[in-house]
Amino acid sequence: MKWLFRTSIAAVGALVATAGGAVATAIWLMFAEGDAEGRRLGFFGAVFVEVQQSLDGTTQLGAGIAQPLPLILSVVVVTGLILAVFATHDALLERKRQLLAGADRTIAPRDV
């Protein structure tokens, strides 16, 4: 049950991190090349921003998802990294408990 809860926390964290990265990339692409027209790809080709000049002189801006596969892979990889951090944390806590338990057994009372 503990690992199910941790996996769900890791998946939600990965979704938030990936969505934040995709939105930040889209915002960066909007302002990266100034007023140049065309389609710009970012976040490993997953996010696009398209800038077009209309006939009446206005600028049209569109953004969206070009390919979902990099986003899905990003969520999977970040989930795995978060789970690895949880596992490492558990291993270090267990090692600390072992060391403290061993230290308690080896300390003898002092004769004063």
PDB file of N, CA and C in Angstrom:
ATOM      1  N   MET A   1       0.819  -1.186   0.000  1.00  0.00           N
ATOM      2  CA  MET A   1       0.000   0.000   0.000  1.00  0.00           C
ATOM      3  C   MET A   1       0.869   1.257   0.000  1.00  0.00           C
ATOM      4  N   LYS A   2       2.014   1.164   0.698  1.00  0.00           N
ATOM      5  CA  LYS A   2       2.926   2.301   0.774  1.00  0.00           C
ATOM      6  C   LYS A   2       3.464   2.664  -0.607  1.00  0.00           C
ATOM      7  N   TRP A   3       3.830   1.645  -1.392  1.00  0.00           N
ATOM      8  CA  TRP A   3       4.391   1.911  -2.712  1.00  0.00           C
ATOM      9  C   TRP A   3       3.323   2.334  -3.713  1.00  0.00           C
ATOM     10  N   LEU A   4       2.093   1.898  -3.524  1.00  0.00           N
ATOM     11  CA  LEU A   4       1.008   2.375  -4.381  1.00  0.00           C
ATOM     12  C   LEU A   4       0.789   3.865  -4.170  1.00  0.00           C
ATOM     13  N   PHE A   5       0.796   4.287  -2.928  1.00  0.00           N
ATOM     14  CA  PHE A   5       0.655   5.707  -2.605  1.00  0.00           C
ATOM     15  C   PHE A   5       1.825   6.503  -3.167  1.00  0.00           C
ATOM     16  N   ARG A   6       3.026   5.993  -3.010  1.00  0.00           N
ATOM     17  CA  ARG A   6       4.204   6.682  -3.527  1.00  0.00           C
ATOM     18  C   ARG A   6       4.208   6.738  -5.047  1.00  0.00           C
ATOM     19  N   THR A   7       3.746   5.673  -5.686  1.00  0.00           N
ATOM     20  CA  THR A   7       3.683   5.675  -7.147  1.00  0.00           C
ATOM     21  C   THR A   7       2.681   6.711  -7.643  1.00  0.00           C
ATOM     22  N   SER A   8       1.557   6.832  -6.959  1.00  0.00           N
ATOM     23  CA  SER A   8       0.587   7.840  -7.367  1.00  0.00           C
ATOM     24  C   SER A   8       1.129   9.245  -7.135  1.00  0.00           C
ATOM     25  N   ILE A   9       1.837   9.470  -6.042  1.00  0.00           N
ATOM     26  CA  ILE A   9       2.462  10.769  -5.791  1.00  0.00           C
ATOM     27  C   ILE A   9       3.499  11.068  -6.871  1.00  0.00           C
ATOM     28  N   ALA A  10       4.301  10.060  -7.219  1.00  0.00           N
ATOM     29  CA  ALA A  10       5.324  10.249  -8.245  1.00  0.00           C
ATOM     30  C   ALA A  10       4.700  10.546  -9.609  1.00  0.00           C
ATOM     31  N   ALA A  11       3.607   9.868  -9.931  1.00  0.00           N
ATOM     32  CA  ALA A  11       2.956  10.094 -11.221  1.00  0.00           C
ATOM     33  C   ALA A  11       2.356  11.496 -11.297  1.00  0.00           C
ATOM     34  N   VAL A  12       1.724  11.931 -10.218  1.00  0.00           N
ATOM     35  CA  VAL A  12       1.154  13.292 -10.206  1.00  0.00           C
ATOM     36  C   VAL A  12       2.269  14.331 -10.286  1.00  0.00           C
ATOM     37  N   GLY A  13       3.338  14.110  -9.556  1.00  0.00           N
ATOM     38  CA  GLY A  13       4.479  15.027  -9.625  1.00  0.00           C
ATOM     39  C   GLY A  13       5.091  15.075 -11.014  1.00  0.00           C
ATOM     40  N   ALA A  14       5.182  13.920 -11.665  1.00  0.00           N
ATOM     41  CA  ALA A  14       5.718  13.873 -13.022  1.00  0.00           C
ATOM     42  C   ALA A  14       4.796  14.580 -14.005  1.00  0.00           C
ATOM     43  N   LEU A  15       3.484  14.417 -13.837  1.00  0.00           N
ATOM     44  CA  LEU A  15       2.533  15.122 -14.703  1.00  0.00           C
ATOM     45  C   LEU A  15       2.658  16.629 -14.543  1.00  0.00           C
ATOM     46  N   VAL A  16       2.768  17.088 -13.316  1.00  0.00           N
ATOM     47  CA  VAL A  16       2.897  18.524 -13.060  1.00  0.00           C
ATOM     48  C   VAL A  16       4.209  19.057 -13.639  1.00  0.00           C
ATOM     49  N   ALA A  17       5.297  18.329 -13.433  1.00  0.00           N
ATOM     50  CA  ALA A  17       6.593  18.769 -13.946  1.00  0.00           C
ATOM     51  C   ALA A  17       6.611  18.791 -15.475  1.00  0.00           C
ATOM     52  N   THR A  18       6.035  17.775 -16.100  1.00  0.00           N
ATOM     53  CA  THR A  18       6.004  17.716 -17.559  1.00  0.00           C
ATOM     54  C   THR A  18       5.110  18.810 -18.128  1.00  0.00           C
ATOM     55  N   ALA A  19       3.947  19.018 -17.523  1.00  0.00           N
ATOM     56  CA  ALA A  19       3.058  20.088 -17.992  1.00  0.00           C
ATOM     57  C   ALA A  19       3.720  21.453 -17.819  1.00  0.00           C
ATOM     58  N   GLY A  20       4.384  21.652 -16.709  1.00  0.00           N
ATOM     59  CA  GLY A  20       5.097  22.908 -16.494  1.00  0.00           C
ATOM     60  C   GLY A  20       6.199  23.119 -17.511  1.00  0.00           C
ATOM     61  N   GLY A  21       6.935  22.051 -17.802  1.00  0.00           N
ATOM     62  CA  GLY A  21       7.986  22.154 -18.811  1.00  0.00           C
ATOM     63  C   GLY A  21       7.443  22.437 -20.204  1.00  0.00           C
ATOM     64  N   ALA A  22       6.324  21.814 -20.540  1.00  0.00           N
ATOM     65  CA  ALA A  22       5.717  22.034 -21.853  1.00  0.00           C
ATOM     66  C   ALA A  22       5.181  23.458 -21.983  1.00  0.00           C
ATOM     67  N   VAL A  23       4.537  23.958 -20.937  1.00  0.00           N
ATOM     68  CA  VAL A  23       4.015  25.330 -20.971  1.00  0.00           C
ATOM     69  C   VAL A  23       5.163  26.339 -21.016  1.00  0.00           C
ATOM     70  N   ALA A  24       6.199  26.121 -20.230  1.00  0.00           N
ATOM     71  CA  ALA A  24       7.357  27.014 -20.249  1.00  0.00           C
ATOM     72  C   ALA A  24       8.021  27.010 -21.630  1.00  0.00           C
ATOM     73  N   THR A  25       8.090  25.854 -22.256  1.00  0.00           N
ATOM     74  CA  THR A  25       8.658  25.767 -23.602  1.00  0.00           C
ATOM     75  C   THR A  25       7.806  26.531 -24.605  1.00  0.00           C
ATOM     76  N   ALA A  26       6.485  26.394 -24.513  1.00  0.00           N
ATOM     77  CA  ALA A  26       5.597  27.119 -25.426  1.00  0.00           C
ATOM     78  C   ALA A  26       5.751  28.627 -25.248  1.00  0.00           C
ATOM     79  N   ILE A  27       5.837  29.085 -24.010  1.00  0.00           N
ATOM     80  CA  ILE A  27       6.019  30.513 -23.764  1.00  0.00           C
ATOM     81  C   ILE A  27       7.366  30.981 -24.300  1.00  0.00           C
ATOM     82  N   TRP A  28       8.382  30.171 -24.110  1.00  0.00           N
ATOM     83  CA  TRP A  28       9.708  30.516 -24.628  1.00  0.00           C
ATOM     84  C   TRP A  28       9.673  30.604 -26.153  1.00  0.00           C
ATOM     85  N   LEU A  29       9.016  29.677 -26.800  1.00  0.00           N
ATOM     86  CA  LEU A  29       8.946  29.681 -28.254  1.00  0.00           C
ATOM     87  C   LEU A  29       8.175  30.892 -28.787  1.00  0.00           C
ATOM     88  N   MET A  30       7.212  31.368 -28.018  1.00  0.00           N
ATOM     89  CA  MET A  30       6.440  32.536 -28.458  1.00  0.00           C
ATOM     90  C   MET A  30       7.310  33.779 -28.588  1.00  0.00           C
ATOM     91  N   PHE A  31       8.294  33.905 -27.712  1.00  0.00           N
ATOM     92  CA  PHE A  31       9.093  35.115 -27.685  1.00  0.00           C
ATOM     93  C   PHE A  31      10.529  34.920 -28.166  1.00  0.00           C
ATOM     94  N   ALA A  32      10.909  33.719 -28.551  1.00  0.00           N
ATOM     95  CA  ALA A  32      12.307  33.422 -28.855  1.00  0.00           C
ATOM     96  C   ALA A  32      12.797  34.081 -30.139  1.00  0.00           C
ATOM     97  N   GLU A  33      12.016  34.089 -31.178  1.00  0.00           N
ATOM     98  CA  GLU A  33      12.506  34.581 -32.466  1.00  0.00           C
ATOM     99  C   GLU A  33      11.832  35.868 -32.909  1.00  0.00           C
ATOM    100  N   GLY A  34      11.284  36.595 -31.976  1.00  0.00           N
ATOM    101  CA  GLY A  34      10.701  37.888 -32.313  1.00  0.00           C
ATOM    102  C   GLY A  34       9.477  37.772 -33.193  1.00  0.00           C
ATOM    103  N   ASP A  35       9.450  38.553 -34.267  1.00  0.00           N
ATOM    104  CA  ASP A  35       8.275  38.587 -35.131  1.00  0.00           C
ATOM    105  C   ASP A  35       8.405  37.679 -36.351  1.00  0.00           C
ATOM    106  N   ALA A  36       9.308  36.742 -36.329  1.00  0.00           N
ATOM    107  CA  ALA A  36       9.482  35.820 -37.460  1.00  0.00           C
ATOM    108  C   ALA A  36       8.264  34.909 -37.566  1.00  0.00           C
ATOM    109  N   GLU A  37       7.778  34.745 -38.789  1.00  0.00           N
ATOM    110  CA  GLU A  37       6.622  33.886 -39.018  1.00  0.00           C
ATOM    111  C   GLU A  37       7.053  32.435 -39.108  1.00  0.00           C
ATOM    112  N   GLY A  38       6.092  31.545 -38.937  1.00  0.00           N
ATOM    113  CA  GLY A  38       6.350  30.125 -39.117  1.00  0.00           C
ATOM    114  C   GLY A  38       5.998  29.310 -37.891  1.00  0.00           C
ATOM    115  N   ARG A  39       6.325  28.047 -37.995  1.00  0.00           N
ATOM    116  CA  ARG A  39       6.027  27.089 -36.936  1.00  0.00           C
ATOM    117  C   ARG A  39       7.317  26.740 -36.216  1.00  0.00           C
ATOM    118  N   ARG A  40       7.266  26.779 -34.901  1.00  0.00           N
ATOM    119  CA  ARG A  40       8.432  26.463 -34.075  1.00  0.00           C
ATOM    120  C   ARG A  40       8.083  25.271 -33.194  1.00  0.00           C
ATOM    121  N   LEU A  41       9.003  24.333 -33.108  1.00  0.00           N
ATOM    122  CA  LEU A  41       8.799  23.137 -32.283  1.00  0.00           C
ATOM    123  C   LEU A  41       9.712  23.184 -31.067  1.00  0.00           C
ATOM    124  N   GLY A  42       9.234  22.633 -29.960  1.00  0.00           N
ATOM    125  CA  GLY A  42      10.029  22.564 -28.742  1.00  0.00           C
ATOM    126  C   GLY A  42       9.643  21.348 -27.915  1.00  0.00           C
ATOM    127  N   PHE A  43      10.345  21.165 -26.801  1.00  0.00           N
ATOM    128  CA  PHE A  43      10.159  20.020 -25.900  1.00  0.00           C
ATOM    129  C   PHE A  43      10.227  18.703 -26.683  1.00  0.00           C
ATOM    130  N   PHE A  44      11.340  18.533 -27.373  1.00  0.00           N
ATOM    131  CA  PHE A  44      11.611  17.336 -28.167  1.00  0.00           C
ATOM    132  C   PHE A  44      10.580  17.127 -29.276  1.00  0.00           C
ATOM    133  N   GLY A  45      10.077  18.221 -29.818  1.00  0.00           N
ATOM    134  CA  GLY A  45       9.111  18.141 -30.907  1.00  0.00           C
ATOM    135  C   GLY A  45       7.678  17.918 -30.469  1.00  0.00           C
ATOM    136  N   ALA A  46       7.400  18.020 -29.189  1.00  0.00           N
ATOM    137  CA  ALA A  46       6.054  17.750 -28.690  1.00  0.00           C
ATOM    138  C   ALA A  46       5.151  18.978 -28.742  1.00  0.00           C
ATOM    139  N   VAL A  47       5.711  20.157 -28.537  1.00  0.00           N
ATOM    140  CA  VAL A  47       4.923  21.386 -28.445  1.00  0.00           C
ATOM    141  C   VAL A  47       5.253  22.263 -29.654  1.00  0.00           C
ATOM    142  N   PHE A  48       4.233  22.903 -30.229  1.00  0.00           N
ATOM    143  CA  PHE A  48       4.484  23.828 -31.322  1.00  0.00           C
ATOM    144  C   PHE A  48       3.839  25.175 -31.059  1.00  0.00           C
ATOM    145  N   VAL A  49       4.442  26.191 -31.646  1.00  0.00           N
ATOM    146  CA  VAL A  49       3.891  27.545 -31.666  1.00  0.00           C
ATOM    147  C   VAL A  49       3.946  27.999 -33.110  1.00  0.00           C
ATOM    148  N   GLU A  50       2.829  28.503 -33.599  1.00  0.00           N
ATOM    149  CA  GLU A  50       2.743  28.922 -34.997  1.00  0.00           C
ATOM    150  C   GLU A  50       2.352  30.398 -35.046  1.00  0.00           C
ATOM    151  N   VAL A  51       3.154  31.187 -35.752  1.00  0.00           N
ATOM    152  CA  VAL A  51       2.910  32.614 -35.895  1.00  0.00           C
ATOM    153  C   VAL A  51       2.647  32.904 -37.367  1.00  0.00           C
ATOM    154  N   GLN A  52       1.527  33.617 -37.631  1.00  0.00           N
ATOM    155  CA  GLN A  52       1.175  33.984 -39.013  1.00  0.00           C
ATOM    156  C   GLN A  52       0.674  35.417 -39.048  1.00  0.00           C
ATOM    157  N   GLN A  53       1.017  36.107 -40.114  1.00  0.00           N
ATOM    158  CA  GLN A  53       0.495  37.447 -40.346  1.00  0.00           C
ATOM    159  C   GLN A  53      -0.755  37.322 -41.214  1.00  0.00           C
ATOM    160  N   SER A  54      -1.851  37.937 -40.777  1.00  0.00           N
ATOM    161  CA  SER A  54      -3.069  37.898 -41.579  1.00  0.00           C
ATOM    162  C   SER A  54      -3.051  39.055 -42.585  1.00  0.00           C
ATOM    163  N   LEU A  55      -3.999  39.055 -43.506  1.00  0.00           N
ATOM    164  CA  LEU A  55      -4.041  40.068 -44.552  1.00  0.00           C
ATOM    165  C   LEU A  55      -4.334  41.469 -44.012  1.00  0.00           C
ATOM    166  N   ASP A  56      -5.023  41.555 -42.908  1.00  0.00           N
ATOM    167  CA  ASP A  56      -5.336  42.876 -42.360  1.00  0.00           C
ATOM    168  C   ASP A  56      -4.231  43.418 -41.448  1.00  0.00           C
ATOM    169  N   GLY A  57      -3.106  42.747 -41.367  1.00  0.00           N
ATOM    170  CA  GLY A  57      -1.948  43.225 -40.623  1.00  0.00           C
ATOM    171  C   GLY A  57      -1.840  42.730 -39.196  1.00  0.00           C
ATOM    172  N   THR A  58      -2.769  41.945 -38.747  1.00  0.00           N
ATOM    173  CA  THR A  58      -2.683  41.416 -37.387  1.00  0.00           C
ATOM    174  C   THR A  58      -1.846  40.141 -37.365  1.00  0.00           C
ATOM    175  N   THR A  59      -1.345  39.835 -36.205  1.00  0.00           N
ATOM    176  CA  THR A  59      -0.549  38.627 -36.033  1.00  0.00           C
ATOM    177  C   THR A  59      -1.393  37.581 -35.334  1.00  0.00           C
ATOM    178  N   GLN A  60      -1.420  36.390 -35.915  1.00  0.00           N
ATOM    179  CA  GLN A  60      -2.157  35.280 -35.315  1.00  0.00           C
ATOM    180  C   GLN A  60      -1.160  34.326 -34.675  1.00  0.00           C
ATOM    181  N   LEU A  61      -1.489  33.888 -33.487  1.00  0.00           N
ATOM    182  CA  LEU A  61      -0.614  33.002 -32.731  1.00  0.00           C
ATOM    183  C   LEU A  61      -1.388  31.752 -32.364  1.00  0.00           C
ATOM    184  N   GLY A  62      -0.819  30.608 -32.649  1.00  0.00           N
ATOM    185  CA  GLY A  62      -1.421  29.335 -32.285  1.00  0.00           C
ATOM    186  C   GLY A  62      -0.402  28.461 -31.576  1.00  0.00           C
ATOM    187  N   ALA A  63      -0.858  27.696 -30.627  1.00  0.00           N
ATOM    188  CA  ALA A  63       0.028  26.788 -29.895  1.00  0.00           C
ATOM    189  C   ALA A  63      -0.712  25.484 -29.650  1.00  0.00           C
ATOM    190  N   GLY A  64       0.026  24.399 -29.538  1.00  0.00           N
ATOM    191  CA  GLY A  64      -0.607  23.115 -29.289  1.00  0.00           C
ATOM    192  C   GLY A  64       0.413  22.003 -29.157  1.00  0.00           C
ATOM    193  N   ILE A  65      -0.091  20.779 -29.208  1.00  0.00           N
ATOM    194  CA  ILE A  65       0.750  19.591 -29.086  1.00  0.00           C
ATOM    195  C   ILE A  65       0.916  18.983 -30.471  1.00  0.00           C
ATOM    196  N   ALA A  66       2.161  18.851 -30.906  1.00  0.00           N
ATOM    197  CA  ALA A  66       2.448  18.258 -32.203  1.00  0.00           C
ATOM    198  C   ALA A  66       2.522  16.733 -32.100  1.00  0.00           C
ATOM    199  N   GLN A  67       3.229  16.246 -31.095  1.00  0.00           N
ATOM    200  CA  GLN A  67       3.373  14.805 -30.879  1.00  0.00           C
ATOM    201  C   GLN A  67       3.268  14.522 -29.374  1.00  0.00           C
ATOM    202  N   PRO A  68       2.405  13.633 -28.975  1.00  0.00           N
ATOM    203  CA  PRO A  68       2.283  13.362 -27.539  1.00  0.00           C
ATOM    204  C   PRO A  68       3.337  12.391 -26.990  1.00  0.00           C
ATOM    205  N   LEU A  69       4.024  11.660 -27.851  1.00  0.00           N
ATOM    206  CA  LEU A  69       4.968  10.647 -27.381  1.00  0.00           C
ATOM    207  C   LEU A  69       6.072  11.216 -26.482  1.00  0.00           C
ATOM    208  N   PRO A  70       6.722  12.347 -26.827  1.00  0.00           N
ATOM    209  CA  PRO A  70       7.737  12.881 -25.899  1.00  0.00           C
ATOM    210  C   PRO A  70       7.164  13.270 -24.545  1.00  0.00           C
ATOM    211  N   LEU A  71       5.934  13.731 -24.526  1.00  0.00           N
ATOM    212  CA  LEU A  71       5.308  14.077 -23.245  1.00  0.00           C
ATOM    213  C   LEU A  71       5.057  12.825 -22.406  1.00  0.00           C
ATOM    214  N   ILE A  72       4.589  11.768 -23.041  1.00  0.00           N
ATOM    215  CA  ILE A  72       4.331  10.507 -22.334  1.00  0.00           C
ATOM    216  C   ILE A  72       5.637   9.917 -21.793  1.00  0.00           C
ATOM    217  N   LEU A  73       6.667   9.916 -22.639  1.00  0.00           N
ATOM    218  CA  LEU A  73       7.967   9.396 -22.197  1.00  0.00           C
ATOM    219  C   LEU A  73       8.538  10.233 -21.056  1.00  0.00           C
ATOM    220  N   SER A  74       8.336  11.528 -21.115  1.00  0.00           N
ATOM    221  CA  SER A  74       8.808  12.396 -20.042  1.00  0.00           C
ATOM    222  C   SER A  74       8.115  12.069 -18.728  1.00  0.00           C
ATOM    223  N   VAL A  75       6.817  11.838 -18.762  1.00  0.00           N
ATOM    224  CA  VAL A  75       6.086  11.480 -17.545  1.00  0.00           C
ATOM    225  C   VAL A  75       6.601  10.158 -16.985  1.00  0.00           C
ATOM    226  N   VAL A  76       6.835   9.191 -17.848  1.00  0.00           N
ATOM    227  CA  VAL A  76       7.323   7.878 -17.398  1.00  0.00           C
ATOM    228  C   VAL A  76       8.718   7.995 -16.781  1.00  0.00           C
ATOM    229  N   VAL A  77       9.603   8.732 -17.441  1.00  0.00           N
ATOM    230  CA  VAL A  77      10.974   8.862 -16.944  1.00  0.00           C
ATOM    231  C   VAL A  77      11.006   9.628 -15.620  1.00  0.00           C
ATOM    232  N   VAL A  78      10.271  10.725 -15.526  1.00  0.00           N
ATOM    233  CA  VAL A  78      10.267  11.504 -14.286  1.00  0.00           C
ATOM    234  C   VAL A  78       9.625  10.705 -13.150  1.00  0.00           C
ATOM    235  N   THR A  79       8.590   9.925 -13.453  1.00  0.00           N
ATOM    236  CA  THR A  79       7.996   9.051 -12.434  1.00  0.00           C
ATOM    237  C   THR A  79       9.033   8.056 -11.923  1.00  0.00           C
ATOM    238  N   GLY A  80       9.782   7.457 -12.824  1.00  0.00           N
ATOM    239  CA  GLY A  80      10.837   6.523 -12.424  1.00  0.00           C
ATOM    240  C   GLY A  80      11.910   7.186 -11.575  1.00  0.00           C
ATOM    241  N   LEU A  81      12.295   8.404 -11.930  1.00  0.00           N
ATOM    242  CA  LEU A  81      13.300   9.115 -11.138  1.00  0.00           C
ATOM    243  C   LEU A  81      12.786   9.431  -9.730  1.00  0.00           C
ATOM    244  N   ILE A  82      11.526   9.852  -9.632  1.00  0.00           N
ATOM    245  CA  ILE A  82      10.963  10.146  -8.317  1.00  0.00           C
ATOM    246  C   ILE A  82      10.877   8.874  -7.477  1.00  0.00           C
ATOM    247  N   LEU A  83      10.486   7.766  -8.086  1.00  0.00           N
ATOM    248  CA  LEU A  83      10.439   6.492  -7.354  1.00  0.00           C
ATOM    249  C   LEU A  83      11.837   6.050  -6.923  1.00  0.00           C
ATOM    250  N   ALA A  84      12.851   6.323  -7.744  1.00  0.00           N
ATOM    251  CA  ALA A  84      14.228   5.997  -7.369  1.00  0.00           C
ATOM    252  C   ALA A  84      14.671   6.829  -6.167  1.00  0.00           C
ATOM    253  N   VAL A  85      14.249   8.086  -6.121  1.00  0.00           N
ATOM    254  CA  VAL A  85      14.568   8.928  -4.966  1.00  0.00           C
ATOM    255  C   VAL A  85      13.893   8.377  -3.713  1.00  0.00           C
ATOM    256  N   PHE A  86      12.629   7.967  -3.831  1.00  0.00           N
ATOM    257  CA  PHE A  86      11.932   7.371  -2.685  1.00  0.00           C
ATOM    258  C   PHE A  86      12.659   6.105  -2.200  1.00  0.00           C
ATOM    259  N   ALA A  87      13.066   5.244  -3.129  1.00  0.00           N
ATOM    260  CA  ALA A  87      13.749   4.002  -2.751  1.00  0.00           C
ATOM    261  C   ALA A  87      15.094   4.291  -2.093  1.00  0.00           C
ATOM    262  N   THR A  88      15.838   5.258  -2.618  1.00  0.00           N
ATOM    263  CA  THR A  88      17.120   5.627  -2.026  1.00  0.00           C
ATOM    264  C   THR A  88      16.921   6.204  -0.625  1.00  0.00           C
ATOM    265  N   HIS A  89      15.901   7.012  -0.466  1.00  0.00           N
ATOM    266  CA  HIS A  89      15.596   7.583   0.853  1.00  0.00           C
ATOM    267  C   HIS A  89      15.278   6.482   1.855  1.00  0.00           C
ATOM    268  N   ASP A  90      14.465   5.504   1.444  1.00  0.00           N
ATOM    269  CA  ASP A  90      14.140   4.386   2.335  1.00  0.00           C
ATOM    270  C   ASP A  90      15.390   3.585   2.707  1.00  0.00           C
ATOM    271  N   ALA A  91      16.261   3.343   1.735  1.00  0.00           N
ATOM    272  CA  ALA A  91      17.477   2.583   1.998  1.00  0.00           C
ATOM    273  C   ALA A  91      18.390   3.341   2.969  1.00  0.00           C
ATOM    274  N   LEU A  92      18.495   4.644   2.805  1.00  0.00           N
ATOM    275  CA  LEU A  92      19.336   5.425   3.707  1.00  0.00           C
ATOM    276  C   LEU A  92      18.749   5.477   5.120  1.00  0.00           C
ATOM    277  N   LEU A  93      17.429   5.587   5.233  1.00  0.00           N
ATOM    278  CA  LEU A  93      16.809   5.559   6.559  1.00  0.00           C
ATOM    279  C   LEU A  93      17.023   4.216   7.247  1.00  0.00           C
ATOM    280  N   GLU A  94      16.912   3.130   6.501  1.00  0.00           N
ATOM    281  CA  GLU A  94      17.136   1.797   7.070  1.00  0.00           C
ATOM    282  C   GLU A  94      18.588   1.649   7.519  1.00  0.00           C
ATOM    283  N   ARG A  95      19.510   2.169   6.713  1.00  0.00           N
ATOM    284  CA  ARG A  95      20.928   2.101   7.077  1.00  0.00           C
ATOM    285  C   ARG A  95      21.187   2.917   8.347  1.00  0.00           C
ATOM    286  N   LYS A  96      20.546   4.077   8.458  1.00  0.00           N
ATOM    287  CA  LYS A  96      20.695   4.899   9.653  1.00  0.00           C
ATOM    288  C   LYS A  96      20.177   4.162  10.880  1.00  0.00           C
ATOM    289  N   ARG A  97      19.029   3.488  10.741  1.00  0.00           N
ATOM    290  CA  ARG A  97      18.481   2.715  11.862  1.00  0.00           C
ATOM    291  C   ARG A  97      19.430   1.604  12.287  1.00  0.00           C
ATOM    292  N   GLN A  98      20.024   0.925  11.300  1.00  0.00           N
ATOM    293  CA  GLN A  98      20.971  -0.143  11.601  1.00  0.00           C
ATOM    294  C   GLN A  98      22.194   0.405  12.328  1.00  0.00           C
ATOM    295  N   LEU A  99      22.709   1.525  11.854  1.00  0.00           N
ATOM    296  CA  LEU A  99      23.900   2.094  12.494  1.00  0.00           C
ATOM    297  C   LEU A  99      23.599   2.565  13.915  1.00  0.00           C
ATOM    298  N   LEU A 100      22.431   3.187  14.096  1.00  0.00           N
ATOM    299  CA  LEU A 100      22.077   3.632  15.445  1.00  0.00           C
ATOM    300  C   LEU A 100      21.818   2.453  16.378  1.00  0.00           C
ATOM    301  N   ALA A 101      21.216   1.386  15.869  1.00  0.00           N
ATOM    302  CA  ALA A 101      20.985   0.197  16.694  1.00  0.00           C
ATOM    303  C   ALA A 101      22.318  -0.448  17.068  1.00  0.00           C
ATOM    304  N   GLY A 102      23.268  -0.479  16.151  1.00  0.00           N
ATOM    305  CA  GLY A 102      24.583  -1.031  16.446  1.00  0.00           C
ATOM    306  C   GLY A 102      25.358  -0.181  17.425  1.00  0.00           C
ATOM    307  N   ALA A 103      25.195   1.125  17.345  1.00  0.00           N
ATOM    308  CA  ALA A 103      25.896   2.023  18.261  1.00  0.00           C
ATOM    309  C   ALA A 103      25.343   1.891  19.670  1.00  0.00           C
ATOM    310  N   ASP A 104      24.055   1.653  19.809  1.00  0.00           N
ATOM    311  CA  ASP A 104      23.466   1.491  21.141  1.00  0.00           C
ATOM    312  C   ASP A 104      23.976   0.244  21.828  1.00  0.00           C
ATOM    313  N   ARG A 105      24.231  -0.809  21.072  1.00  0.00           N
ATOM    314  CA  ARG A 105      24.702  -2.060  21.666  1.00  0.00           C
ATOM    315  C   ARG A 105      26.170  -1.998  22.047  1.00  0.00           C
ATOM    316  N   THR A 106      26.959  -1.205  21.344  1.00  0.00           N
ATOM    317  CA  THR A 106      28.393  -1.196  21.596  1.00  0.00           C
ATOM    318  C   THR A 106      28.804  -0.195  22.659  1.00  0.00           C
ATOM    319  N   ILE A 107      27.938   0.733  23.009  1.00  0.00           N
ATOM    320  CA  ILE A 107      28.297   1.735  24.021  1.00  0.00           C
ATOM    321  C   ILE A 107      28.087   1.123  25.403  1.00  0.00           C
ATOM    322  N   ALA A 108      29.161   1.091  26.166  1.00  0.00           N
ATOM    323  CA  ALA A 108      29.097   0.556  27.531  1.00  0.00           C
ATOM    324  C   ALA A 108      29.013   1.719  28.503  1.00  0.00           C
ATOM    325  N   PRO A 109      28.364   1.483  29.626  1.00  0.00           N
ATOM    326  CA  PRO A 109      28.309   2.573  30.623  1.00  0.00           C
ATOM    327  C   PRO A 109      29.691   2.851  31.157  1.00  0.00           C
ATOM    328  N   ARG A 110      29.941   4.116  31.435  1.00  0.00           N
ATOM    329  CA  ARG A 110      31.254   4.536  31.933  1.00  0.00           C
ATOM    330  C   ARG A 110      31.315   4.374  33.457  1.00  0.00           C
ATOM    331  N   ASP A 111      32.497   4.051  33.876  1.00  0.00           N
ATOM    332  CA  ASP A 111      32.750   4.034  35.310  1.00  0.00           C
ATOM    333  C   ASP A 111      33.300   5.398  35.689  1.00  0.00           C
ATOM    334  N   VAL A 112      32.589   6.096  36.528  1.00  0.00           N
ATOM    335  CA  VAL A 112      33.034   7.421  36.912  1.00  0.00           C
ATOM    336  C   VAL A 112      33.586   7.428  38.299  1.00  0.00           C
TER     337      VAL A 112
END
